[in-house]
């Protein structure tokens, strides 16, 4: 699996012949300026965890340009249809759908969700994607929750994308516990450093995971890695 980081919580995953983009927030991100451009991002699918602007700022423009299918909460896809984006697949918590690259399940997150113009964004969530021989969990923006134990029981998660920035989401301490709940030792950190409220000590965060017998990967914006 190839993973490219566009900053904040925006990742492109290339697996099973598909380009899957998560939570496109690039243009307003000062940390991404000069490193990546939303106008050059490609996608076959766009998965949106919730409606906040720091997860949807470039959603409409990328969806229009690429024609990617947007998978998101029903309220978000309805909002997109009002903006002329018709290639959507609505979901709600607990539901799953078979897509050409694998099975996608929309799972619970503890957060809030409102779209940039104030429209209600439905329930926030995360995604578990089973590619067949590979399984990933993108938690979206969330607090630590016991529901994560259900993911560990139902899936063999190979890689977990977890927020570590604290203040608005879990911090590193709770993310360590979340990794234990989902039974995954390979964690890719997200939702950190973009704003002063969520700046972290990267070495300290990595050490906390190492002490727990897990690995925290904090990617550079524009970096691509193989997992």
C-alpha atoms as a PDB file:
ATOM      1  CA  UNK A   1       0.000   0.000   0.000  1.00  0.00           C
ATOM      2  CA  UNK A   2       1.296   3.429  -0.976  1.00  0.00           C
ATOM      3  CA  UNK A   3       0.445   6.364   1.293  1.00  0.00           C
ATOM      4  CA  UNK A   4       0.926  10.053   0.457  1.00  0.00           C
ATOM      5  CA  UNK A   5       0.423  12.733   3.102  1.00  0.00           C
ATOM      6  CA  UNK A   6      -1.058  16.089   2.088  1.00  0.00           C
ATOM      7  CA  UNK A   7      -1.120  17.538   5.596  1.00  0.00           C
ATOM      8  CA  UNK A   8      -3.444  17.605   8.613  1.00  0.00           C
ATOM      9  CA  UNK A   9      -5.707  14.551   8.114  1.00  0.00           C
ATOM     10  CA  UNK A  10      -5.515  14.361   4.328  1.00  0.00           C
ATOM     11  CA  UNK A  11      -3.993  11.184   2.913  1.00  0.00           C
ATOM     12  CA  UNK A  12      -4.005   9.478  -0.457  1.00  0.00           C
ATOM     13  CA  UNK A  13      -3.929   5.699  -0.318  1.00  0.00           C
ATOM     14  CA  UNK A  14      -3.132   3.703  -3.439  1.00  0.00           C
ATOM     15  CA  UNK A  15      -4.138   0.066  -3.128  1.00  0.00           C
ATOM     16  CA  UNK A  16      -6.020  -2.549  -5.148  1.00  0.00           C
ATOM     17  CA  UNK A  17      -5.908  -0.389  -8.257  1.00  0.00           C
ATOM     18  CA  UNK A  18      -7.643   2.580  -6.608  1.00  0.00           C
ATOM     19  CA  UNK A  19      -6.627   6.049  -5.444  1.00  0.00           C
ATOM     20  CA  UNK A  20      -8.499   6.797  -2.231  1.00  0.00           C
ATOM     21  CA  UNK A  21      -8.315  10.321  -0.818  1.00  0.00           C
ATOM     22  CA  UNK A  22      -9.285  11.099   2.777  1.00  0.00           C
ATOM     23  CA  UNK A  23     -10.534  14.446   4.119  1.00  0.00           C
ATOM     24  CA  UNK A  24      -9.213  16.930   1.537  1.00  0.00           C
ATOM     25  CA  UNK A  25      -7.940  20.022   3.351  1.00  0.00           C
ATOM     26  CA  UNK A  26      -4.951  21.399   1.458  1.00  0.00           C
ATOM     27  CA  UNK A  27      -5.432  24.923   0.044  1.00  0.00           C
ATOM     28  CA  UNK A  28      -6.021  26.725   3.385  1.00  0.00           C
ATOM     29  CA  UNK A  29      -3.304  24.772   5.190  1.00  0.00           C
ATOM     30  CA  UNK A  30      -0.325  27.090   5.594  1.00  0.00           C
ATOM     31  CA  UNK A  31       1.939  24.144   6.419  1.00  0.00           C
ATOM     32  CA  UNK A  32       1.173  22.613   3.013  1.00  0.00           C
ATOM     33  CA  UNK A  33       1.852  25.809   1.043  1.00  0.00           C
ATOM     34  CA  UNK A  34       4.575  25.251  -1.555  1.00  0.00           C
ATOM     35  CA  UNK A  35       4.688  21.513  -0.812  1.00  0.00           C
ATOM     36  CA  UNK A  36       1.481  20.186  -2.327  1.00  0.00           C
ATOM     37  CA  UNK A  37      -1.289  21.600  -4.495  1.00  0.00           C
ATOM     38  CA  UNK A  38      -4.944  20.618  -4.362  1.00  0.00           C
ATOM     39  CA  UNK A  39      -5.135  21.234  -8.114  1.00  0.00           C
ATOM     40  CA  UNK A  40      -2.785  18.308  -8.736  1.00  0.00           C
ATOM     41  CA  UNK A  41      -4.282  15.748  -6.380  1.00  0.00           C
ATOM     42  CA  UNK A  42      -5.791  12.739  -8.124  1.00  0.00           C
ATOM     43  CA  UNK A  43      -8.488  10.496  -6.708  1.00  0.00           C
ATOM     44  CA  UNK A  44     -10.881   7.763  -7.743  1.00  0.00           C
ATOM     45  CA  UNK A  45     -12.681   7.896  -4.396  1.00  0.00           C
ATOM     46  CA  UNK A  46     -12.890  10.546  -1.679  1.00  0.00           C
ATOM     47  CA  UNK A  47     -13.782   9.368   1.828  1.00  0.00           C
ATOM     48  CA  UNK A  48     -14.946  12.101   4.191  1.00  0.00           C
ATOM     49  CA  UNK A  49     -15.061  11.406   7.932  1.00  0.00           C
ATOM     50  CA  UNK A  50     -17.079  14.519   8.861  1.00  0.00           C
ATOM     51  CA  UNK A  51     -18.045  17.975   7.674  1.00  0.00           C
ATOM     52  CA  UNK A  52     -15.606  20.367   9.355  1.00  0.00           C
ATOM     53  CA  UNK A  53     -13.766  22.745   7.031  1.00  0.00           C
ATOM     54  CA  UNK A  54     -10.380  21.303   7.989  1.00  0.00           C
ATOM     55  CA  UNK A  55     -11.565  18.060   6.359  1.00  0.00           C
ATOM     56  CA  UNK A  56     -13.642  19.373   3.437  1.00  0.00           C
ATOM     57  CA  UNK A  57     -12.120  22.657   2.237  1.00  0.00           C
ATOM     58  CA  UNK A  58     -11.051  21.192  -1.126  1.00  0.00           C
ATOM     59  CA  UNK A  59     -13.748  18.532  -1.351  1.00  0.00           C
ATOM     60  CA  UNK A  60     -15.973  20.174  -3.950  1.00  0.00           C
ATOM     61  CA  UNK A  61     -13.145  21.337  -6.217  1.00  0.00           C
ATOM     62  CA  UNK A  62     -11.342  17.986  -6.218  1.00  0.00           C
ATOM     63  CA  UNK A  63     -14.575  16.038  -6.689  1.00  0.00           C
ATOM     64  CA  UNK A  64     -15.529  18.257  -9.647  1.00  0.00           C
ATOM     65  CA  UNK A  65     -12.135  18.011 -11.319  1.00  0.00           C
ATOM     66  CA  UNK A  66     -11.495  14.300 -10.818  1.00  0.00           C
ATOM     67  CA  UNK A  67     -15.025  12.902 -10.947  1.00  0.00           C
ATOM     68  CA  UNK A  68     -14.157  10.796  -7.881  1.00  0.00           C
ATOM     69  CA  UNK A  69     -16.964   9.063  -6.018  1.00  0.00           C
ATOM     70  CA  UNK A  70     -17.455  10.694  -2.623  1.00  0.00           C
ATOM     71  CA  UNK A  71     -18.293   8.356   0.257  1.00  0.00           C
ATOM     72  CA  UNK A  72     -19.573  10.165   3.331  1.00  0.00           C
ATOM     73  CA  UNK A  73     -22.445  10.612   5.757  1.00  0.00           C
ATOM     74  CA  UNK A  74     -25.844  11.021   4.118  1.00  0.00           C
ATOM     75  CA  UNK A  75     -26.048  14.686   5.103  1.00  0.00           C
ATOM     76  CA  UNK A  76     -22.690  15.464   3.501  1.00  0.00           C
ATOM     77  CA  UNK A  77     -23.548  13.728   0.235  1.00  0.00           C
ATOM     78  CA  UNK A  78     -26.889  15.573   0.128  1.00  0.00           C
ATOM     79  CA  UNK A  79     -25.017  18.858   0.613  1.00  0.00           C
ATOM     80  CA  UNK A  80     -22.669  17.917  -2.218  1.00  0.00           C
ATOM     81  CA  UNK A  81     -25.555  17.118  -4.538  1.00  0.00           C
ATOM     82  CA  UNK A  82     -26.843  20.627  -3.900  1.00  0.00           C
ATOM     83  CA  UNK A  83     -23.506  21.847  -5.245  1.00  0.00           C
ATOM     84  CA  UNK A  84     -23.757  19.713  -8.383  1.00  0.00           C
ATOM     85  CA  UNK A  85     -21.648  16.770  -7.216  1.00  0.00           C
ATOM     86  CA  UNK A  86     -23.687  13.692  -8.172  1.00  0.00           C
ATOM     87  CA  UNK A  87     -21.112  10.896  -7.922  1.00  0.00           C
ATOM     88  CA  UNK A  88     -21.700  10.165  -4.245  1.00  0.00           C
ATOM     89  CA  UNK A  89     -22.400   7.230  -1.976  1.00  0.00           C
ATOM     90  CA  UNK A  90     -24.248   8.100   1.269  1.00  0.00           C
ATOM     91  CA  UNK A  91     -23.590   6.176   4.475  1.00  0.00           C
ATOM     92  CA  UNK A  92     -24.443   6.192   8.152  1.00  0.00           C
ATOM     93  CA  UNK A  93     -22.828   4.674  11.208  1.00  0.00           C
ATOM     94  CA  UNK A  94     -22.571   0.890  11.251  1.00  0.00           C
ATOM     95  CA  UNK A  95     -23.190   0.538   7.538  1.00  0.00           C
ATOM     96  CA  UNK A  96     -20.817  -1.008   5.032  1.00  0.00           C
ATOM     97  CA  UNK A  97     -20.526  -1.066   1.262  1.00  0.00           C
ATOM     98  CA  UNK A  98     -18.616  -3.194  -1.222  1.00  0.00           C
ATOM     99  CA  UNK A  99     -16.604  -1.039  -3.606  1.00  0.00           C
ATOM    100  CA  UNK A 100     -14.321  -2.256  -6.414  1.00  0.00           C
ATOM    101  CA  UNK A 101     -11.216  -1.997  -4.204  1.00  0.00           C
ATOM    102  CA  UNK A 102     -12.707  -3.610  -1.069  1.00  0.00           C
ATOM    103  CA  UNK A 103     -15.292  -3.345   1.699  1.00  0.00           C
ATOM    104  CA  UNK A 104     -15.771  -0.037   3.507  1.00  0.00           C
ATOM    105  CA  UNK A 105     -17.466   0.224   6.914  1.00  0.00           C
ATOM    106  CA  UNK A 106     -18.455   3.549   8.470  1.00  0.00           C
ATOM    107  CA  UNK A 107     -17.740   3.351  12.197  1.00  0.00           C
ATOM    108  CA  UNK A 108     -18.413   5.551  15.206  1.00  0.00           C
ATOM    109  CA  UNK A 109     -16.378   8.602  16.179  1.00  0.00           C
ATOM    110  CA  UNK A 110     -16.938  10.908  19.133  1.00  0.00           C
ATOM    111  CA  UNK A 111     -16.710  14.442  17.769  1.00  0.00           C
ATOM    112  CA  UNK A 112     -18.967  17.005  16.063  1.00  0.00           C
ATOM    113  CA  UNK A 113     -19.780  17.714  12.425  1.00  0.00           C
ATOM    114  CA  UNK A 114     -20.953  20.818  10.628  1.00  0.00           C
ATOM    115  CA  UNK A 115     -20.146  21.838   7.065  1.00  0.00           C
ATOM    116  CA  UNK A 116     -18.274  25.072   6.238  1.00  0.00           C
ATOM    117  CA  UNK A 117     -21.474  27.011   5.489  1.00  0.00           C
ATOM    118  CA  UNK A 118     -23.123  25.942   8.752  1.00  0.00           C
ATOM    119  CA  UNK A 119     -25.118  23.056   7.294  1.00  0.00           C
ATOM    120  CA  UNK A 120     -25.551  20.094   9.631  1.00  0.00           C
ATOM    121  CA  UNK A 121     -23.046  17.403   8.637  1.00  0.00           C
ATOM    122  CA  UNK A 122     -24.655  14.350  10.217  1.00  0.00           C
ATOM    123  CA  UNK A 123     -22.761  12.007  12.502  1.00  0.00           C
ATOM    124  CA  UNK A 124     -18.955  12.104  12.461  1.00  0.00           C
ATOM    125  CA  UNK A 125     -17.297   8.775  11.833  1.00  0.00           C
ATOM    126  CA  UNK A 126     -14.275   6.801  10.780  1.00  0.00           C
ATOM    127  CA  UNK A 127     -13.680   4.145   8.143  1.00  0.00           C
ATOM    128  CA  UNK A 128     -12.467   0.580   8.253  1.00  0.00           C
ATOM    129  CA  UNK A 129     -11.385  -0.600   4.824  1.00  0.00           C
ATOM    130  CA  UNK A 130     -10.775  -4.263   4.136  1.00  0.00           C
ATOM    131  CA  UNK A 131      -8.843  -4.710   0.918  1.00  0.00           C
ATOM    132  CA  UNK A 132      -8.884  -8.483   1.306  1.00  0.00           C
ATOM    133  CA  UNK A 133      -5.360  -9.202   2.514  1.00  0.00           C
ATOM    134  CA  UNK A 134      -4.922  -5.752   4.090  1.00  0.00           C
ATOM    135  CA  UNK A 135      -7.080  -3.807   6.551  1.00  0.00           C
ATOM    136  CA  UNK A 136      -6.803  -0.163   7.593  1.00  0.00           C
ATOM    137  CA  UNK A 137      -8.686   1.980  10.097  1.00  0.00           C
ATOM    138  CA  UNK A 138      -9.019   5.735   9.701  1.00  0.00           C
ATOM    139  CA  UNK A 139     -10.508   7.011  12.956  1.00  0.00           C
ATOM    140  CA  UNK A 140     -11.354  10.497  11.716  1.00  0.00           C
ATOM    141  CA  UNK A 141     -11.530  13.137  14.429  1.00  0.00           C
ATOM    142  CA  UNK A 142     -12.454  11.395  17.644  1.00  0.00           C
ATOM    143  CA  UNK A 143     -12.036  11.048  21.351  1.00  0.00           C
ATOM    144  CA  UNK A 144     -10.944   7.736  22.787  1.00  0.00           C
ATOM    145  CA  UNK A 145     -13.975   5.481  22.975  1.00  0.00           C
ATOM    146  CA  UNK A 146     -14.650   1.924  24.105  1.00  0.00           C
ATOM    147  CA  UNK A 147     -16.345   1.319  20.741  1.00  0.00           C
ATOM    148  CA  UNK A 148     -12.836   0.975  19.328  1.00  0.00           C
ATOM    149  CA  UNK A 149     -12.619  -2.381  21.071  1.00  0.00           C
ATOM    150  CA  UNK A 150     -15.317  -3.626  18.698  1.00  0.00           C
ATOM    151  CA  UNK A 151     -13.046  -2.812  15.770  1.00  0.00           C
ATOM    152  CA  UNK A 152     -10.276  -4.852  17.354  1.00  0.00           C
ATOM    153  CA  UNK A 153     -12.663  -7.776  17.763  1.00  0.00           C
ATOM    154  CA  UNK A 154     -14.181  -7.629  14.279  1.00  0.00           C
ATOM    155  CA  UNK A 155     -11.140  -6.777  12.144  1.00  0.00           C
ATOM    156  CA  UNK A 156      -7.447  -7.594  11.857  1.00  0.00           C
ATOM    157  CA  UNK A 157      -6.256  -4.021  11.447  1.00  0.00           C
ATOM    158  CA  UNK A 158      -2.822  -3.722   9.842  1.00  0.00           C
ATOM    159  CA  UNK A 159      -2.490   0.062   9.988  1.00  0.00           C
ATOM    160  CA  UNK A 160      -4.450   2.643  12.013  1.00  0.00           C
ATOM    161  CA  UNK A 161      -4.641   6.340  11.147  1.00  0.00           C
ATOM    162  CA  UNK A 162      -5.245   8.091  14.475  1.00  0.00           C
ATOM    163  CA  UNK A 163      -5.419  11.743  15.549  1.00  0.00           C
ATOM    164  CA  UNK A 164      -2.689  12.690  18.023  1.00  0.00           C
ATOM    165  CA  UNK A 165      -2.981  16.482  18.288  1.00  0.00           C
ATOM    166  CA  UNK A 166      -5.089  16.667  21.463  1.00  0.00           C
ATOM    167  CA  UNK A 167      -7.408  19.609  22.314  1.00  0.00           C
ATOM    168  CA  UNK A 168     -10.003  18.843  19.591  1.00  0.00           C
ATOM    169  CA  UNK A 169      -9.330  15.085  19.435  1.00  0.00           C
ATOM    170  CA  UNK A 170      -7.332  12.403  21.188  1.00  0.00           C
ATOM    171  CA  UNK A 171      -3.794  13.218  22.128  1.00  0.00           C
ATOM    172  CA  UNK A 172      -0.908  10.781  21.991  1.00  0.00           C
ATOM    173  CA  UNK A 173      -1.701   9.201  25.376  1.00  0.00           C
ATOM    174  CA  UNK A 174      -5.242   8.287  24.372  1.00  0.00           C
ATOM    175  CA  UNK A 175      -4.126   7.308  20.880  1.00  0.00           C
ATOM    176  CA  UNK A 176      -1.805   4.719  22.432  1.00  0.00           C
ATOM    177  CA  UNK A 177      -4.809   3.209  24.179  1.00  0.00           C
ATOM    178  CA  UNK A 178      -6.853   3.409  20.975  1.00  0.00           C
ATOM    179  CA  UNK A 179      -4.149   1.432  19.167  1.00  0.00           C
ATOM    180  CA  UNK A 180      -4.362  -1.192  21.884  1.00  0.00           C
ATOM    181  CA  UNK A 181      -8.159  -1.311  21.578  1.00  0.00           C
ATOM    182  CA  UNK A 182      -8.012  -1.917  17.814  1.00  0.00           C
ATOM    183  CA  UNK A 183      -5.076  -4.315  18.295  1.00  0.00           C
ATOM    184  CA  UNK A 184      -2.808  -2.503  15.869  1.00  0.00           C
ATOM    185  CA  UNK A 185       0.850  -1.633  16.443  1.00  0.00           C
ATOM    186  CA  UNK A 186       1.352   0.376  13.247  1.00  0.00           C
ATOM    187  CA  UNK A 187      -0.086   3.870  13.691  1.00  0.00           C
ATOM    188  CA  UNK A 188       0.040   6.805  11.289  1.00  0.00           C
ATOM    189  CA  UNK A 189      -0.535  10.060  13.134  1.00  0.00           C
ATOM    190  CA  UNK A 190      -2.815  12.828  11.894  1.00  0.00           C
ATOM    191  CA  UNK A 191      -4.567  16.022  12.992  1.00  0.00           C
ATOM    192  CA  UNK A 192      -1.519  17.639  14.596  1.00  0.00           C
ATOM    193  CA  UNK A 193       0.622  20.798  14.219  1.00  0.00           C
ATOM    194  CA  UNK A 194      -1.718  22.515  11.713  1.00  0.00           C
ATOM    195  CA  UNK A 195      -2.912  25.086  14.262  1.00  0.00           C
ATOM    196  CA  UNK A 196      -1.356  26.322  17.527  1.00  0.00           C
ATOM    197  CA  UNK A 197      -3.973  24.434  19.552  1.00  0.00           C
ATOM    198  CA  UNK A 198      -2.747  21.088  18.219  1.00  0.00           C
ATOM    199  CA  UNK A 199       1.015  21.524  18.046  1.00  0.00           C
ATOM    200  CA  UNK A 200       2.812  18.514  19.532  1.00  0.00           C
ATOM    201  CA  UNK A 201       6.254  17.358  20.570  1.00  0.00           C
ATOM    202  CA  UNK A 202       6.828  14.707  17.914  1.00  0.00           C
ATOM    203  CA  UNK A 203       9.655  12.935  19.688  1.00  0.00           C
ATOM    204  CA  UNK A 204       7.623  12.720  22.883  1.00  0.00           C
ATOM    205  CA  UNK A 205       4.609  11.324  21.019  1.00  0.00           C
ATOM    206  CA  UNK A 206       6.721   8.696  19.267  1.00  0.00           C
ATOM    207  CA  UNK A 207       8.338   7.700  22.565  1.00  0.00           C
ATOM    208  CA  UNK A 208       4.938   7.088  24.133  1.00  0.00           C
ATOM    209  CA  UNK A 209       4.063   4.628  21.387  1.00  0.00           C
ATOM    210  CA  UNK A 210       7.475   2.990  21.570  1.00  0.00           C
ATOM    211  CA  UNK A 211       7.072   2.495  25.322  1.00  0.00           C
ATOM    212  CA  UNK A 212       3.779   0.723  24.588  1.00  0.00           C
ATOM    213  CA  UNK A 213       5.371  -1.573  22.018  1.00  0.00           C
ATOM    214  CA  UNK A 214       3.875   0.207  19.022  1.00  0.00           C
ATOM    215  CA  UNK A 215       5.184   2.455  16.250  1.00  0.00           C
ATOM    216  CA  UNK A 216       3.953   5.970  15.463  1.00  0.00           C
ATOM    217  CA  UNK A 217       4.729   7.275  11.981  1.00  0.00           C
ATOM    218  CA  UNK A 218       4.529  11.053  11.553  1.00  0.00           C
ATOM    219  CA  UNK A 219       4.859  11.809   7.863  1.00  0.00           C
ATOM    220  CA  UNK A 220       6.190  14.953   6.244  1.00  0.00           C
ATOM    221  CA  UNK A 221       3.740  16.868   4.069  1.00  0.00           C
ATOM    222  CA  UNK A 222       4.174  15.704   0.472  1.00  0.00           C
ATOM    223  CA  UNK A 223       5.926  12.498   1.564  1.00  0.00           C
ATOM    224  CA  UNK A 224       4.992   9.114   0.088  1.00  0.00           C
ATOM    225  CA  UNK A 225       5.732   5.858   1.876  1.00  0.00           C
ATOM    226  CA  UNK A 226       5.033   2.164   1.379  1.00  0.00           C
ATOM    227  CA  UNK A 227       3.293   0.290   4.169  1.00  0.00           C
END
